[in-house]
């Protein structure tokens, strides 16, 4: 396993954009450019590289922010090295899940392996978390997916964040998948969850 180390945020972002890495471990409090900004820039530039935030900031709002920005996990200092390794292995194990056939629902096509989504032939540019959320809904074959299932399977959160994180994520996803098109595919089932289907 090859490990590269960056001394500050600017160098880290440059290496992440130019190199080919299986995973980025990003400290939130870095000199010159903080970890939030690094991951935000990577996601805006279309990078799908998994990211593990490493930080002493343990507030729920900080954890939620890191996950909303596109982080795959969030580890708080101090930590046991064995836990860091376990979390790295867990993140890397998720990647083969994307090796599957394309999914088609109405005029929406999802190619998980290529991280490509189209609707009516138009490319939809989704962040990694948006892609995970869309795949969770698509794989449910028209069944309603609860907010709890979404928080556990997309963000690995098994606690109540006290925020509207899921609603905000669904709004962003709908703005790309539904808003530009007449027929809506993502539907809210009040008090239950969300479903992706043609109606």
C-alpha atoms as a PDB file:
ATOM      1  CA  UNK A   1       0.000   0.000   0.000  1.00  0.00           C
ATOM      2  CA  UNK A   2       1.365   3.412  -0.997  1.00  0.00           C
ATOM      3  CA  UNK A   3       0.710   6.354   1.307  1.00  0.00           C
ATOM      4  CA  UNK A   4       1.296   9.992   0.372  1.00  0.00           C
ATOM      5  CA  UNK A   5       1.386  12.812   2.938  1.00  0.00           C
ATOM      6  CA  UNK A   6       0.655  16.493   2.369  1.00  0.00           C
ATOM      7  CA  UNK A   7       1.987  19.151   4.740  1.00  0.00           C
ATOM      8  CA  UNK A   8      -0.882  21.605   4.245  1.00  0.00           C
ATOM      9  CA  UNK A   9      -4.290  21.918   2.635  1.00  0.00           C
ATOM     10  CA  UNK A  10      -3.164  23.453  -0.642  1.00  0.00           C
ATOM     11  CA  UNK A  11      -0.632  20.693  -1.269  1.00  0.00           C
ATOM     12  CA  UNK A  12      -3.194  18.075  -0.238  1.00  0.00           C
ATOM     13  CA  UNK A  13      -5.803  19.372  -2.695  1.00  0.00           C
ATOM     14  CA  UNK A  14      -3.255  19.568  -5.499  1.00  0.00           C
ATOM     15  CA  UNK A  15      -2.092  15.984  -4.949  1.00  0.00           C
ATOM     16  CA  UNK A  16      -5.656  14.700  -4.613  1.00  0.00           C
ATOM     17  CA  UNK A  17      -6.629  16.321  -7.918  1.00  0.00           C
ATOM     18  CA  UNK A  18      -3.542  15.206  -9.833  1.00  0.00           C
ATOM     19  CA  UNK A  19      -2.906  11.775  -8.301  1.00  0.00           C
ATOM     20  CA  UNK A  20      -4.812   8.506  -8.340  1.00  0.00           C
ATOM     21  CA  UNK A  21      -5.684   7.470  -4.784  1.00  0.00           C
ATOM     22  CA  UNK A  22      -8.027   4.851  -3.343  1.00  0.00           C
ATOM     23  CA  UNK A  23      -8.834   6.994  -0.312  1.00  0.00           C
ATOM     24  CA  UNK A  24      -8.122  10.421   1.183  1.00  0.00           C
ATOM     25  CA  UNK A  25      -7.785  10.914   4.942  1.00  0.00           C
ATOM     26  CA  UNK A  26      -8.401  14.617   5.506  1.00  0.00           C
ATOM     27  CA  UNK A  27      -7.803  16.541   8.711  1.00  0.00           C
ATOM     28  CA  UNK A  28     -10.307  19.364   9.121  1.00  0.00           C
ATOM     29  CA  UNK A  29      -7.850  21.797  10.733  1.00  0.00           C
ATOM     30  CA  UNK A  30      -5.066  22.123   8.169  1.00  0.00           C
ATOM     31  CA  UNK A  31      -2.849  25.150   7.496  1.00  0.00           C
ATOM     32  CA  UNK A  32      -3.535  27.294   4.402  1.00  0.00           C
ATOM     33  CA  UNK A  33      -6.682  25.397   3.375  1.00  0.00           C
ATOM     34  CA  UNK A  34      -8.989  23.530   5.758  1.00  0.00           C
ATOM     35  CA  UNK A  35     -10.351  20.030   5.207  1.00  0.00           C
ATOM     36  CA  UNK A  36     -13.901  21.264   4.530  1.00  0.00           C
ATOM     37  CA  UNK A  37     -12.632  23.333   1.600  1.00  0.00           C
ATOM     38  CA  UNK A  38     -10.525  20.472   0.218  1.00  0.00           C
ATOM     39  CA  UNK A  39     -13.436  18.038   0.057  1.00  0.00           C
ATOM     40  CA  UNK A  40     -15.843  20.697  -1.234  1.00  0.00           C
ATOM     41  CA  UNK A  41     -13.417  21.461  -4.097  1.00  0.00           C
ATOM     42  CA  UNK A  42     -12.902  17.773  -4.892  1.00  0.00           C
ATOM     43  CA  UNK A  43     -16.643  17.093  -5.096  1.00  0.00           C
ATOM     44  CA  UNK A  44     -17.308  20.198  -7.171  1.00  0.00           C
ATOM     45  CA  UNK A  45     -14.604  19.041  -9.596  1.00  0.00           C
ATOM     46  CA  UNK A  46     -16.288  15.648  -9.940  1.00  0.00           C
ATOM     47  CA  UNK A  47     -13.927  13.550  -7.812  1.00  0.00           C
ATOM     48  CA  UNK A  48     -15.478  10.329  -6.496  1.00  0.00           C
ATOM     49  CA  UNK A  49     -12.525   9.422  -4.293  1.00  0.00           C
ATOM     50  CA  UNK A  50     -13.674   8.212  -0.845  1.00  0.00           C
ATOM     51  CA  UNK A  51     -12.871  10.623   1.991  1.00  0.00           C
ATOM     52  CA  UNK A  52     -12.413   9.965   5.703  1.00  0.00           C
ATOM     53  CA  UNK A  53     -12.463  13.115   7.843  1.00  0.00           C
ATOM     54  CA  UNK A  54     -10.080  13.049  10.798  1.00  0.00           C
ATOM     55  CA  UNK A  55     -10.606  15.767  13.395  1.00  0.00           C
ATOM     56  CA  UNK A  56     -10.862  16.763  17.035  1.00  0.00           C
ATOM     57  CA  UNK A  57     -14.146  18.560  16.293  1.00  0.00           C
ATOM     58  CA  UNK A  58     -16.755  16.270  17.824  1.00  0.00           C
ATOM     59  CA  UNK A  59     -19.950  18.341  17.633  1.00  0.00           C
ATOM     60  CA  UNK A  60     -22.832  16.665  15.819  1.00  0.00           C
ATOM     61  CA  UNK A  61     -23.092  19.722  13.547  1.00  0.00           C
ATOM     62  CA  UNK A  62     -19.452  19.237  12.483  1.00  0.00           C
ATOM     63  CA  UNK A  63     -20.020  15.549  11.747  1.00  0.00           C
ATOM     64  CA  UNK A  64     -23.109  16.346   9.718  1.00  0.00           C
ATOM     65  CA  UNK A  65     -21.268  19.088   7.832  1.00  0.00           C
ATOM     66  CA  UNK A  66     -18.450  16.715   6.906  1.00  0.00           C
ATOM     67  CA  UNK A  67     -20.880  14.106   5.598  1.00  0.00           C
ATOM     68  CA  UNK A  68     -22.963  16.670   3.723  1.00  0.00           C
ATOM     69  CA  UNK A  69     -19.856  17.993   1.984  1.00  0.00           C
ATOM     70  CA  UNK A  70     -19.220  14.522   0.583  1.00  0.00           C
ATOM     71  CA  UNK A  71     -17.210  12.767   3.275  1.00  0.00           C
ATOM     72  CA  UNK A  72     -17.702   9.012   3.583  1.00  0.00           C
ATOM     73  CA  UNK A  73     -16.842   8.766   7.271  1.00  0.00           C
ATOM     74  CA  UNK A  74     -15.810  10.949  10.211  1.00  0.00           C
ATOM     75  CA  UNK A  75     -13.348   9.843  12.899  1.00  0.00           C
ATOM     76  CA  UNK A  76     -12.833  11.927  16.026  1.00  0.00           C
ATOM     77  CA  UNK A  77      -9.472  12.367  17.770  1.00  0.00           C
ATOM     78  CA  UNK A  78      -8.158  10.766  19.869  1.00  0.00           C
ATOM     79  CA  UNK A  79      -8.739   7.399  18.251  1.00  0.00           C
ATOM     80  CA  UNK A  80      -7.297   3.907  18.280  1.00  0.00           C
ATOM     81  CA  UNK A  81      -5.220   3.069  15.217  1.00  0.00           C
ATOM     82  CA  UNK A  82      -7.112  -0.216  14.932  1.00  0.00           C
ATOM     83  CA  UNK A  83     -10.371   1.741  14.553  1.00  0.00           C
ATOM     84  CA  UNK A  84      -8.837   3.900  11.822  1.00  0.00           C
ATOM     85  CA  UNK A  85      -7.792   0.781   9.906  1.00  0.00           C
ATOM     86  CA  UNK A  86     -11.232  -0.779  10.377  1.00  0.00           C
ATOM     87  CA  UNK A  87     -12.956   2.326   9.019  1.00  0.00           C
ATOM     88  CA  UNK A  88     -10.585   2.471   6.036  1.00  0.00           C
ATOM     89  CA  UNK A  89     -11.313  -1.167   5.206  1.00  0.00           C
ATOM     90  CA  UNK A  90     -15.058  -0.553   5.515  1.00  0.00           C
ATOM     91  CA  UNK A  91     -14.940   2.413   3.124  1.00  0.00           C
ATOM     92  CA  UNK A  92     -12.855   0.534   0.577  1.00  0.00           C
ATOM     93  CA  UNK A  93     -15.145  -2.509   0.782  1.00  0.00           C
ATOM     94  CA  UNK A  94     -18.072  -0.393  -0.392  1.00  0.00           C
ATOM     95  CA  UNK A  95     -16.530   0.263  -3.788  1.00  0.00           C
ATOM     96  CA  UNK A  96     -17.236  -3.135  -5.394  1.00  0.00           C
ATOM     97  CA  UNK A  97     -20.941  -2.598  -4.683  1.00  0.00           C
ATOM     98  CA  UNK A  98     -20.904  -0.295  -7.683  1.00  0.00           C
ATOM     99  CA  UNK A  99     -19.995  -3.223  -9.977  1.00  0.00           C
ATOM    100  CA  UNK A 100     -23.489  -3.973 -11.230  1.00  0.00           C
ATOM    101  CA  UNK A 101     -25.638  -3.672 -14.301  1.00  0.00           C
ATOM    102  CA  UNK A 102     -27.340  -0.461 -15.310  1.00  0.00           C
ATOM    103  CA  UNK A 103     -30.645   0.412 -13.701  1.00  0.00           C
ATOM    104  CA  UNK A 104     -33.486   1.895 -15.737  1.00  0.00           C
ATOM    105  CA  UNK A 105     -36.620   3.519 -14.309  1.00  0.00           C
ATOM    106  CA  UNK A 106     -38.816   5.262 -16.892  1.00  0.00           C
ATOM    107  CA  UNK A 107     -36.429   7.565 -18.825  1.00  0.00           C
ATOM    108  CA  UNK A 108     -33.838   7.549 -16.017  1.00  0.00           C
ATOM    109  CA  UNK A 109     -30.743   5.405 -16.555  1.00  0.00           C
ATOM    110  CA  UNK A 110     -28.143   4.733 -13.862  1.00  0.00           C
ATOM    111  CA  UNK A 111     -24.743   3.217 -14.613  1.00  0.00           C
ATOM    112  CA  UNK A 112     -23.252   2.581 -11.126  1.00  0.00           C
ATOM    113  CA  UNK A 113     -19.908   1.315 -12.416  1.00  0.00           C
ATOM    114  CA  UNK A 114     -19.258   4.440 -14.482  1.00  0.00           C
ATOM    115  CA  UNK A 115     -20.925   6.740 -11.928  1.00  0.00           C
ATOM    116  CA  UNK A 116     -23.126   8.010 -14.748  1.00  0.00           C
ATOM    117  CA  UNK A 117     -26.775   9.037 -14.643  1.00  0.00           C
ATOM    118  CA  UNK A 118     -28.828  10.187 -17.616  1.00  0.00           C
ATOM    119  CA  UNK A 119     -32.419  11.206 -18.109  1.00  0.00           C
ATOM    120  CA  UNK A 120     -33.894  11.644 -21.583  1.00  0.00           C
ATOM    121  CA  UNK A 121     -30.331  11.298 -22.802  1.00  0.00           C
ATOM    122  CA  UNK A 122     -29.130  14.252 -20.720  1.00  0.00           C
ATOM    123  CA  UNK A 123     -26.189  13.681 -18.351  1.00  0.00           C
ATOM    124  CA  UNK A 124     -26.945  14.426 -14.716  1.00  0.00           C
ATOM    125  CA  UNK A 125     -23.899  15.325 -12.643  1.00  0.00           C
ATOM    126  CA  UNK A 126     -24.338  13.869  -9.159  1.00  0.00           C
ATOM    127  CA  UNK A 127     -22.026  14.022  -6.170  1.00  0.00           C
ATOM    128  CA  UNK A 128     -20.985  10.673  -4.633  1.00  0.00           C
ATOM    129  CA  UNK A 129     -23.556  11.044  -1.834  1.00  0.00           C
ATOM    130  CA  UNK A 130     -26.303  11.951  -4.312  1.00  0.00           C
ATOM    131  CA  UNK A 131     -25.368   8.872  -6.320  1.00  0.00           C
ATOM    132  CA  UNK A 132     -25.545   6.678  -3.191  1.00  0.00           C
ATOM    133  CA  UNK A 133     -28.931   8.123  -2.320  1.00  0.00           C
ATOM    134  CA  UNK A 134     -30.278   7.632  -5.849  1.00  0.00           C
ATOM    135  CA  UNK A 135     -28.983   4.050  -5.952  1.00  0.00           C
ATOM    136  CA  UNK A 136     -30.574   3.256  -2.596  1.00  0.00           C
ATOM    137  CA  UNK A 137     -33.939   4.458  -3.889  1.00  0.00           C
ATOM    138  CA  UNK A 138     -33.499   2.756  -7.283  1.00  0.00           C
ATOM    139  CA  UNK A 139     -32.484  -0.602  -5.794  1.00  0.00           C
ATOM    140  CA  UNK A 140     -35.615  -0.616  -3.648  1.00  0.00           C
ATOM    141  CA  UNK A 141     -37.727  -1.366  -6.742  1.00  0.00           C
ATOM    142  CA  UNK A 142     -40.564   1.026  -5.970  1.00  0.00           C
ATOM    143  CA  UNK A 143     -40.657   0.286  -2.234  1.00  0.00           C
ATOM    144  CA  UNK A 144     -40.691   3.169   0.235  1.00  0.00           C
ATOM    145  CA  UNK A 145     -37.301   3.849   1.857  1.00  0.00           C
ATOM    146  CA  UNK A 146     -37.484   5.285   5.370  1.00  0.00           C
ATOM    147  CA  UNK A 147     -35.475   8.246   6.614  1.00  0.00           C
ATOM    148  CA  UNK A 148     -33.775   5.905   9.093  1.00  0.00           C
ATOM    149  CA  UNK A 149     -32.647   3.581   6.284  1.00  0.00           C
ATOM    150  CA  UNK A 150     -31.321   6.538   4.321  1.00  0.00           C
ATOM    151  CA  UNK A 151     -29.333   7.925   7.258  1.00  0.00           C
ATOM    152  CA  UNK A 152     -27.874   4.500   8.087  1.00  0.00           C
ATOM    153  CA  UNK A 153     -27.070   3.330   4.550  1.00  0.00           C
ATOM    154  CA  UNK A 154     -25.971   6.590   2.938  1.00  0.00           C
ATOM    155  CA  UNK A 155     -24.361   8.424   5.861  1.00  0.00           C
ATOM    156  CA  UNK A 156     -23.651   5.576   8.315  1.00  0.00           C
ATOM    157  CA  UNK A 157     -25.483   7.570  10.978  1.00  0.00           C
ATOM    158  CA  UNK A 158     -27.500   5.650  13.541  1.00  0.00           C
ATOM    159  CA  UNK A 159     -28.467   8.625  15.677  1.00  0.00           C
ATOM    160  CA  UNK A 160     -30.902  11.511  15.328  1.00  0.00           C
ATOM    161  CA  UNK A 161     -28.899  14.458  14.005  1.00  0.00           C
ATOM    162  CA  UNK A 162     -31.626  16.949  14.837  1.00  0.00           C
ATOM    163  CA  UNK A 163     -31.155  18.504  11.382  1.00  0.00           C
ATOM    164  CA  UNK A 164     -32.971  18.385   8.056  1.00  0.00           C
ATOM    165  CA  UNK A 165     -29.945  16.759   6.413  1.00  0.00           C
ATOM    166  CA  UNK A 166     -31.955  14.099   4.576  1.00  0.00           C
ATOM    167  CA  UNK A 167     -34.589  16.558   3.362  1.00  0.00           C
ATOM    168  CA  UNK A 168     -31.849  18.872   2.099  1.00  0.00           C
ATOM    169  CA  UNK A 169     -30.130  15.984   0.304  1.00  0.00           C
ATOM    170  CA  UNK A 170     -33.416  14.941  -1.325  1.00  0.00           C
ATOM    171  CA  UNK A 171     -34.027  18.529  -2.473  1.00  0.00           C
ATOM    172  CA  UNK A 172     -30.611  18.644  -4.138  1.00  0.00           C
ATOM    173  CA  UNK A 173     -31.191  15.273  -5.773  1.00  0.00           C
ATOM    174  CA  UNK A 174     -34.639  16.292  -7.015  1.00  0.00           C
ATOM    175  CA  UNK A 175     -33.218  19.513  -8.453  1.00  0.00           C
ATOM    176  CA  UNK A 176     -31.125  17.358 -10.782  1.00  0.00           C
ATOM    177  CA  UNK A 177     -33.281  14.274 -11.363  1.00  0.00           C
ATOM    178  CA  UNK A 178     -36.799  15.749 -11.363  1.00  0.00           C
ATOM    179  CA  UNK A 179     -36.966  19.543 -11.600  1.00  0.00           C
ATOM    180  CA  UNK A 180     -35.794  19.874 -15.228  1.00  0.00           C
ATOM    181  CA  UNK A 181     -38.322  17.267 -16.388  1.00  0.00           C
ATOM    182  CA  UNK A 182     -42.109  17.165 -16.578  1.00  0.00           C
ATOM    183  CA  UNK A 183     -42.537  13.675 -15.106  1.00  0.00           C
ATOM    184  CA  UNK A 184     -41.426  13.378 -11.477  1.00  0.00           C
ATOM    185  CA  UNK A 185     -39.868  10.135 -10.252  1.00  0.00           C
ATOM    186  CA  UNK A 186     -38.924  10.847  -6.611  1.00  0.00           C
ATOM    187  CA  UNK A 187     -41.993  10.924  -4.382  1.00  0.00           C
ATOM    188  CA  UNK A 188     -42.482  11.623  -0.677  1.00  0.00           C
ATOM    189  CA  UNK A 189     -44.677   9.299   1.352  1.00  0.00           C
ATOM    190  CA  UNK A 190     -45.578  11.481   4.312  1.00  0.00           C
ATOM    191  CA  UNK A 191     -44.554  10.086   7.654  1.00  0.00           C
ATOM    192  CA  UNK A 192     -42.893   7.077   6.022  1.00  0.00           C
ATOM    193  CA  UNK A 193     -40.086   8.010   3.621  1.00  0.00           C
ATOM    194  CA  UNK A 194     -39.332   8.294  -0.076  1.00  0.00           C
ATOM    195  CA  UNK A 195     -39.865   6.196  -3.190  1.00  0.00           C
ATOM    196  CA  UNK A 196     -38.393   6.301  -6.700  1.00  0.00           C
ATOM    197  CA  UNK A 197     -40.909   5.104  -9.281  1.00  0.00           C
ATOM    198  CA  UNK A 198     -42.849   6.031 -12.395  1.00  0.00           C
ATOM    199  CA  UNK A 199     -46.419   7.121 -11.699  1.00  0.00           C
END
